[in-house]
PDB file of all heavy atoms in Angstrom:
ATOM      1  N   VAL A   1       4.010  19.032  19.364  1.00  0.00           N
ATOM      2  CA  VAL A   1       3.957  18.216  20.621  1.00  0.00           C
ATOM      3  C   VAL A   1       2.493  17.702  20.803  1.00  0.00           C
ATOM      4  O   VAL A   1       1.560  18.547  20.790  1.00  0.00           O
ATOM      5  CB  VAL A   1       4.415  19.008  21.836  1.00  0.00           C
ATOM      6  CG1 VAL A   1       4.241  18.178  23.075  1.00  0.00           C
ATOM      7  CG2 VAL A   1       5.844  19.463  21.661  1.00  0.00           C
ATOM      8  N   VAL A   2       2.285  16.397  21.044  1.00  0.00           N
ATOM      9  CA  VAL A   2       1.003  15.828  21.221  1.00  0.00           C
ATOM     10  C   VAL A   2       0.371  16.468  22.451  1.00  0.00           C
ATOM     11  O   VAL A   2       0.921  16.450  23.558  1.00  0.00           O
ATOM     12  CB  VAL A   2       1.048  14.319  21.329  1.00  0.00           C
ATOM     13  CG1 VAL A   2      -0.302  13.748  21.682  1.00  0.00           C
ATOM     14  CG2 VAL A   2       1.523  13.724  20.040  1.00  0.00           C
ATOM     15  N   HIS A   3      -0.860  16.965  22.343  1.00  0.00           N
ATOM     16  CA  HIS A   3      -1.430  17.718  23.358  1.00  0.00           C
ATOM     17  C   HIS A   3      -2.982  17.449  23.573  1.00  0.00           C
ATOM     18  O   HIS A   3      -3.559  17.773  24.576  1.00  0.00           O
ATOM     19  CB  HIS A   3      -1.290  19.220  23.159  1.00  0.00           C
ATOM     20  CG  HIS A   3      -1.737  20.086  24.293  1.00  0.00           C
ATOM     21  ND1 HIS A   3      -1.167  20.103  25.546  1.00  0.00           N
ATOM     22  CD2 HIS A   3      -2.759  20.992  24.354  1.00  0.00           C
ATOM     23  CE1 HIS A   3      -1.760  20.920  26.302  1.00  0.00           C
ATOM     24  NE2 HIS A   3      -2.736  21.478  25.633  1.00  0.00           N
ATOM     25  N   MET A   4      -3.571  16.841  22.573  1.00  0.00           N
ATOM     26  CA  MET A   4      -5.050  16.586  22.627  1.00  0.00           C
ATOM     27  C   MET A   4      -5.325  15.226  21.964  1.00  0.00           C
ATOM     28  O   MET A   4      -4.566  14.732  21.168  1.00  0.00           O
ATOM     29  CB  MET A   4      -5.875  17.650  21.908  1.00  0.00           C
ATOM     30  CG  MET A   4      -5.776  19.031  22.500  1.00  0.00           C
ATOM     31  SD  MET A   4      -6.806  20.214  21.538  1.00  0.00           S
ATOM     32  CE  MET A   4      -6.288  21.729  22.236  1.00  0.00           C
ATOM     33  N   VAL A   5      -6.497  14.742  22.343  1.00  0.00           N
ATOM     34  CA  VAL A   5      -7.061  13.479  21.704  1.00  0.00           C
ATOM     35  C   VAL A   5      -8.404  13.831  21.072  1.00  0.00           C
ATOM     36  O   VAL A   5      -9.228  14.459  21.743  1.00  0.00           O
ATOM     37  CB  VAL A   5      -7.199  12.366  22.703  1.00  0.00           C
ATOM     38  CG1 VAL A   5      -7.816  11.125  22.072  1.00  0.00           C
ATOM     39  CG2 VAL A   5      -5.839  11.981  23.295  1.00  0.00           C
ATOM     40  N   ILE A   6      -8.609  13.483  19.829  1.00  0.00           N
ATOM     41  CA  ILE A   6      -9.881  13.732  19.160  1.00  0.00           C
ATOM     42  C   ILE A   6     -10.640  12.433  18.977  1.00  0.00           C
ATOM     43  O   ILE A   6     -10.041  11.445  18.496  1.00  0.00           O
ATOM     44  CB  ILE A   6      -9.624  14.381  17.762  1.00  0.00           C
ATOM     45  CG1 ILE A   6      -8.950  15.782  17.964  1.00  0.00           C
ATOM     46  CG2 ILE A   6     -10.966  14.598  17.014  1.00  0.00           C
ATOM     47  CD1 ILE A   6      -8.690  16.546  16.650  1.00  0.00           C
ATOM     48  N   ILE A   7     -11.878  12.470  19.414  1.00  0.00           N
ATOM     49  CA  ILE A   7     -12.764  11.254  19.378  1.00  0.00           C
ATOM     50  C   ILE A   7     -13.635  11.308  18.089  1.00  0.00           C
ATOM     51  O   ILE A   7     -14.291  12.323  17.862  1.00  0.00           O
ATOM     52  CB  ILE A   7     -13.618  11.158  20.605  1.00  0.00           C
ATOM     53  CG1 ILE A   7     -12.737  11.181  21.921  1.00  0.00           C
ATOM     54  CG2 ILE A   7     -14.529   9.954  20.572  1.00  0.00           C
ATOM     55  CD1 ILE A   7     -11.774   9.997  21.939  1.00  0.00           C
ATOM     56  N   HIS A   8     -13.595  10.226  17.323  1.00  0.00           N
ATOM     57  CA  HIS A   8     -14.349  10.103  16.091  1.00  0.00           C
ATOM     58  C   HIS A   8     -15.242   8.872  16.126  1.00  0.00           C
ATOM     59  O   HIS A   8     -15.006   7.916  16.856  1.00  0.00           O
ATOM     60  CB  HIS A   8     -13.411   9.945  14.896  1.00  0.00           C
ATOM     61  CG  HIS A   8     -12.336  10.933  14.697  1.00  0.00           C
ATOM     62  ND1 HIS A   8     -12.420  11.866  13.690  1.00  0.00           N
ATOM     63  CD2 HIS A   8     -11.196  11.159  15.371  1.00  0.00           C
ATOM     64  CE1 HIS A   8     -11.303  12.605  13.766  1.00  0.00           C
ATOM     65  NE2 HIS A   8     -10.534  12.245  14.750  1.00  0.00           N
ATOM     66  N   THR A   9     -16.243   8.857  15.291  1.00  0.00           N
ATOM     67  CA  THR A   9     -16.885   7.581  14.880  1.00  0.00           C
ATOM     68  C   THR A   9     -16.668   7.387  13.369  1.00  0.00           C
ATOM     69  O   THR A   9     -16.696   8.325  12.573  1.00  0.00           O
ATOM     70  CB  THR A   9     -18.403   7.665  15.205  1.00  0.00           C
ATOM     71  OG1 THR A   9     -18.971   8.863  14.675  1.00  0.00           O
ATOM     72  CG2 THR A   9     -18.679   7.566  16.672  1.00  0.00           C
ATOM     73  N   CYS A  10     -16.549   6.171  13.013  1.00  0.00           N
ATOM     74  CA  CYS A  10     -16.221   5.822  11.597  1.00  0.00           C
ATOM     75  C   CYS A  10     -17.337   6.071  10.630  1.00  0.00           C
ATOM     76  O   CYS A  10     -17.080   6.127   9.436  1.00  0.00           O
ATOM     77  CB  CYS A  10     -15.854   4.300  11.530  1.00  0.00           C
ATOM     78  SG  CYS A  10     -14.371   3.826  12.415  1.00  0.00           S
ATOM     79  N   GLU A  11     -18.595   6.136  11.103  1.00  0.00           N
ATOM     80  CA  GLU A  11     -19.754   6.213  10.210  1.00  0.00           C
ATOM     81  C   GLU A  11     -19.759   4.931   9.388  1.00  0.00           C
ATOM     82  O   GLU A  11     -20.163   4.908   8.207  1.00  0.00           O
ATOM     83  CB  GLU A  11     -19.850   7.424   9.374  1.00  0.00           C
ATOM     84  CG  GLU A  11     -19.797   8.736  10.167  1.00  0.00           C
ATOM     85  CD  GLU A  11     -20.947   8.760  11.228  1.00  0.00           C
ATOM     86  OE1 GLU A  11     -22.093   8.599  10.824  1.00  0.00           O
ATOM     87  OE2 GLU A  11     -20.637   8.908  12.416  1.00  0.00           O
ATOM     88  N   GLY A  12     -19.371   3.831  10.007  1.00  0.00           N
ATOM     89  CA  GLY A  12     -19.390   2.491   9.413  1.00  0.00           C
ATOM     90  C   GLY A  12     -18.882   1.470  10.372  1.00  0.00           C
ATOM     91  O   GLY A  12     -18.640   1.781  11.572  1.00  0.00           O
ATOM     92  N   SER A  13     -18.665   0.238   9.947  1.00  0.00           N
ATOM     93  CA  SER A  13     -18.227  -0.828  10.757  1.00  0.00           C
ATOM     94  C   SER A  13     -16.741  -0.707  10.958  1.00  0.00           C
ATOM     95  O   SER A  13     -16.018  -0.097  10.216  1.00  0.00           O
ATOM     96  CB  SER A  13     -18.613  -2.160  10.166  1.00  0.00           C
ATOM     97  OG  SER A  13     -17.770  -2.434   9.037  1.00  0.00           O
ATOM     98  N   TYR A  14     -16.261  -1.356  12.008  1.00  0.00           N
ATOM     99  CA  TYR A  14     -14.811  -1.350  12.402  1.00  0.00           C
ATOM    100  C   TYR A  14     -13.947  -1.818  11.227  1.00  0.00           C
ATOM    101  O   TYR A  14     -13.016  -1.170  10.869  1.00  0.00           O
ATOM    102  CB  TYR A  14     -14.643  -2.269  13.633  1.00  0.00           C
ATOM    103  CG  TYR A  14     -13.203  -2.656  13.891  1.00  0.00           C
ATOM    104  CD1 TYR A  14     -12.314  -1.683  14.441  1.00  0.00           C
ATOM    105  CD2 TYR A  14     -12.763  -3.949  13.690  1.00  0.00           C
ATOM    106  CE1 TYR A  14     -10.997  -2.079  14.752  1.00  0.00           C
ATOM    107  CE2 TYR A  14     -11.489  -4.336  14.035  1.00  0.00           C
ATOM    108  CZ  TYR A  14     -10.593  -3.431  14.567  1.00  0.00           C
ATOM    109  OH  TYR A  14      -9.291  -3.799  14.846  1.00  0.00           O
ATOM    110  N   THR A  15     -14.269  -2.980  10.672  1.00  0.00           N
ATOM    111  CA  THR A  15     -13.420  -3.529   9.617  1.00  0.00           C
ATOM    112  C   THR A  15     -13.505  -2.625   8.329  1.00  0.00           C
ATOM    113  O   THR A  15     -12.411  -2.395   7.737  1.00  0.00           O
ATOM    114  CB  THR A  15     -13.880  -4.940   9.213  1.00  0.00           C
ATOM    115  OG1 THR A  15     -13.849  -5.779  10.402  1.00  0.00           O
ATOM    116  CG2 THR A  15     -13.018  -5.605   8.157  1.00  0.00           C
ATOM    117  N   SER A  16     -14.604  -2.136   7.950  1.00  0.00           N
ATOM    118  CA  SER A  16     -14.642  -1.266   6.785  1.00  0.00           C
ATOM    119  C   SER A  16     -13.831   0.049   7.050  1.00  0.00           C
ATOM    120  O   SER A  16     -13.258   0.585   6.183  1.00  0.00           O
ATOM    121  CB  SER A  16     -16.053  -0.917   6.409  1.00  0.00           C
ATOM    122  OG  SER A  16     -16.666  -0.141   7.420  1.00  0.00           O
ATOM    123  N   CYS A  17     -13.739   0.421   8.312  1.00  0.00           N
ATOM    124  CA  CYS A  17     -13.052   1.671   8.739  1.00  0.00           C
ATOM    125  C   CYS A  17     -11.572   1.458   8.572  1.00  0.00           C
ATOM    126  O   CYS A  17     -10.852   2.228   7.842  1.00  0.00           O
ATOM    127  CB  CYS A  17     -13.457   2.021  10.153  1.00  0.00           C
ATOM    128  SG  CYS A  17     -12.867   3.617  10.694  1.00  0.00           S
ATOM    129  N   TRP A  18     -10.990   0.493   9.261  1.00  0.00           N
ATOM    130  CA  TRP A  18      -9.525   0.377   9.158  1.00  0.00           C
ATOM    131  C   TRP A  18      -9.061  -0.078   7.794  1.00  0.00           C
ATOM    132  O   TRP A  18      -7.976   0.360   7.313  1.00  0.00           O
ATOM    133  CB  TRP A  18      -8.949  -0.616  10.205  1.00  0.00           C
ATOM    134  CG  TRP A  18      -9.345  -2.056  10.181  1.00  0.00           C
ATOM    135  CD1 TRP A  18     -10.187  -2.729  10.983  1.00  0.00           C
ATOM    136  CD2 TRP A  18      -8.808  -3.069   9.236  1.00  0.00           C
ATOM    137  NE1 TRP A  18     -10.277  -4.060  10.633  1.00  0.00           N
ATOM    138  CE2 TRP A  18      -9.411  -4.278   9.555  1.00  0.00           C
ATOM    139  CE3 TRP A  18      -7.904  -2.993   8.175  1.00  0.00           C
ATOM    140  CZ2 TRP A  18      -9.157  -5.479   8.830  1.00  0.00           C
ATOM    141  CZ3 TRP A  18      -7.599  -4.137   7.492  1.00  0.00           C
ATOM    142  CH2 TRP A  18      -8.227  -5.386   7.806  1.00  0.00           C
ATOM    143  N   SER A  19      -9.864  -0.821   7.090  1.00  0.00           N
ATOM    144  CA  SER A  19      -9.455  -1.273   5.742  1.00  0.00           C
ATOM    145  C   SER A  19      -9.424  -0.121   4.784  1.00  0.00           C
ATOM    146  O   SER A  19      -8.601  -0.051   3.842  1.00  0.00           O
ATOM    147  CB  SER A  19     -10.358  -2.418   5.211  1.00  0.00           C
ATOM    148  OG  SER A  19     -11.732  -1.942   5.061  1.00  0.00           O
ATOM    149  N   TRP A  20     -10.336   0.893   4.927  1.00  0.00           N
ATOM    150  CA  TRP A  20     -10.301   2.094   4.126  1.00  0.00           C
ATOM    151  C   TRP A  20      -9.184   2.999   4.470  1.00  0.00           C
ATOM    152  O   TRP A  20      -8.481   3.534   3.619  1.00  0.00           O
ATOM    153  CB  TRP A  20     -11.654   2.820   4.168  1.00  0.00           C
ATOM    154  CG  TRP A  20     -11.699   4.071   3.417  1.00  0.00           C
ATOM    155  CD1 TRP A  20     -11.925   5.364   3.885  1.00  0.00           C
ATOM    156  CD2 TRP A  20     -11.547   4.237   2.032  1.00  0.00           C
ATOM    157  NE1 TRP A  20     -11.906   6.263   2.886  1.00  0.00           N
ATOM    158  CE2 TRP A  20     -11.671   5.649   1.714  1.00  0.00           C
ATOM    159  CE3 TRP A  20     -11.293   3.348   0.966  1.00  0.00           C
ATOM    160  CZ2 TRP A  20     -11.529   6.164   0.374  1.00  0.00           C
ATOM    161  CZ3 TRP A  20     -11.167   3.884  -0.356  1.00  0.00           C
ATOM    162  CH2 TRP A  20     -11.332   5.274  -0.602  1.00  0.00           C
ATOM    163  N   LEU A  21      -8.960   3.125   5.768  1.00  0.00           N
ATOM    164  CA  LEU A  21      -7.890   4.098   6.189  1.00  0.00           C
ATOM    165  C   LEU A  21      -6.477   3.574   5.989  1.00  0.00           C
ATOM    166  O   LEU A  21      -5.516   4.337   6.080  1.00  0.00           O
ATOM    167  CB  LEU A  21      -8.063   4.408   7.738  1.00  0.00           C
ATOM    168  CG  LEU A  21      -9.330   5.173   8.039  1.00  0.00           C
ATOM    169  CD1 LEU A  21      -9.493   5.435   9.515  1.00  0.00           C
ATOM    170  CD2 LEU A  21      -9.446   6.485   7.296  1.00  0.00           C
ATOM    171  N   THR A  22      -6.287   2.253   5.619  1.00  0.00           N
ATOM    172  CA  THR A  22      -4.983   1.755   5.219  1.00  0.00           C
ATOM    173  C   THR A  22      -4.859   1.692   3.704  1.00  0.00           C
ATOM    174  O   THR A  22      -3.902   1.158   3.171  1.00  0.00           O
ATOM    175  CB  THR A  22      -4.856   0.325   5.801  1.00  0.00           C
ATOM    176  OG1 THR A  22      -5.898  -0.478   5.418  1.00  0.00           O
ATOM    177  CG2 THR A  22      -4.704   0.422   7.326  1.00  0.00           C
ATOM    178  N   ASN A  23      -5.760   2.344   3.008  1.00  0.00           N
ATOM    179  CA  ASN A  23      -5.785   2.413   1.584  1.00  0.00           C
ATOM    180  C   ASN A  23      -5.256   3.785   1.157  1.00  0.00           C
ATOM    181  O   ASN A  23      -5.691   4.776   1.601  1.00  0.00           O
ATOM    182  CB  ASN A  23      -7.249   2.206   0.998  1.00  0.00           C
ATOM    183  CG  ASN A  23      -7.308   2.097  -0.480  1.00  0.00           C
ATOM    184  OD1 ASN A  23      -6.547   2.723  -1.207  1.00  0.00           O
ATOM    185  ND2 ASN A  23      -8.299   1.376  -0.979  1.00  0.00           N
ATOM    186  N   THR A  24      -4.302   3.776   0.210  1.00  0.00           N
ATOM    187  CA  THR A  24      -3.732   5.070  -0.228  1.00  0.00           C
ATOM    188  C   THR A  24      -4.814   6.006  -0.830  1.00  0.00           C
ATOM    189  O   THR A  24      -4.658   7.220  -0.752  1.00  0.00           O
ATOM    190  CB  THR A  24      -2.617   4.907  -1.302  1.00  0.00           C
ATOM    191  OG1 THR A  24      -3.113   4.110  -2.326  1.00  0.00           O
ATOM    192  CG2 THR A  24      -1.448   4.165  -0.604  1.00  0.00           C
ATOM    193  N   GLN A  25      -5.810   5.414  -1.374  1.00  0.00           N
ATOM    194  CA  GLN A  25      -6.910   6.223  -2.031  1.00  0.00           C
ATOM    195  C   GLN A  25      -7.637   7.090  -1.005  1.00  0.00           C
ATOM    196  O   GLN A  25      -8.325   8.048  -1.312  1.00  0.00           O
ATOM    197  CB  GLN A  25      -7.879   5.376  -2.804  1.00  0.00           C
ATOM    198  CG  GLN A  25      -7.244   4.631  -3.994  1.00  0.00           C
ATOM    199  CD  GLN A  25      -8.268   3.763  -4.746  1.00  0.00           C
ATOM    200  OE1 GLN A  25      -9.472   3.829  -4.473  1.00  0.00           O
ATOM    201  NE2 GLN A  25      -7.745   2.902  -5.563  1.00  0.00           N
ATOM    202  N   ALA A  26      -7.667   6.587   0.202  1.00  0.00           N
ATOM    203  CA  ALA A  26      -8.461   7.266   1.292  1.00  0.00           C
ATOM    204  C   ALA A  26      -7.986   8.693   1.584  1.00  0.00           C
ATOM    205  O   ALA A  26      -8.704   9.625   1.848  1.00  0.00           O
ATOM    206  CB  ALA A  26      -8.388   6.458   2.530  1.00  0.00           C
ATOM    207  N   GLN A  27      -6.593   8.853   1.532  1.00  0.00           N
ATOM    208  CA  GLN A  27      -6.036  10.164   1.845  1.00  0.00           C
ATOM    209  C   GLN A  27      -6.477  10.625   3.225  1.00  0.00           C
ATOM    210  O   GLN A  27      -6.704  11.834   3.487  1.00  0.00           O
ATOM    211  CB  GLN A  27      -6.293  11.205   0.824  1.00  0.00           C
ATOM    212  CG  GLN A  27      -5.533  10.940  -0.540  1.00  0.00           C
ATOM    213  CD  GLN A  27      -4.065  11.071  -0.357  1.00  0.00           C
ATOM    214  OE1 GLN A  27      -3.504  12.104  -0.082  1.00  0.00           O
ATOM    215  NE2 GLN A  27      -3.379   9.882  -0.471  1.00  0.00           N
ATOM    216  N   ALA A  28      -6.690   9.672   4.151  1.00  0.00           N
ATOM    217  CA  ALA A  28      -7.097   9.936   5.475  1.00  0.00           C
ATOM    218  C   ALA A  28      -6.646   8.776   6.367  1.00  0.00           C
ATOM    219  O   ALA A  28      -6.320   7.714   5.808  1.00  0.00           O
ATOM    220  CB  ALA A  28      -8.650  10.046   5.568  1.00  0.00           C
TER     221      ALA A  28
END
């Protein structure tokens, strides 16, 4: 059951972040 929210920073730009996280190689 969803119970918490975790706040992160990408350690990079927005576009580089979402484009990496939608890549199967990222495993994240």
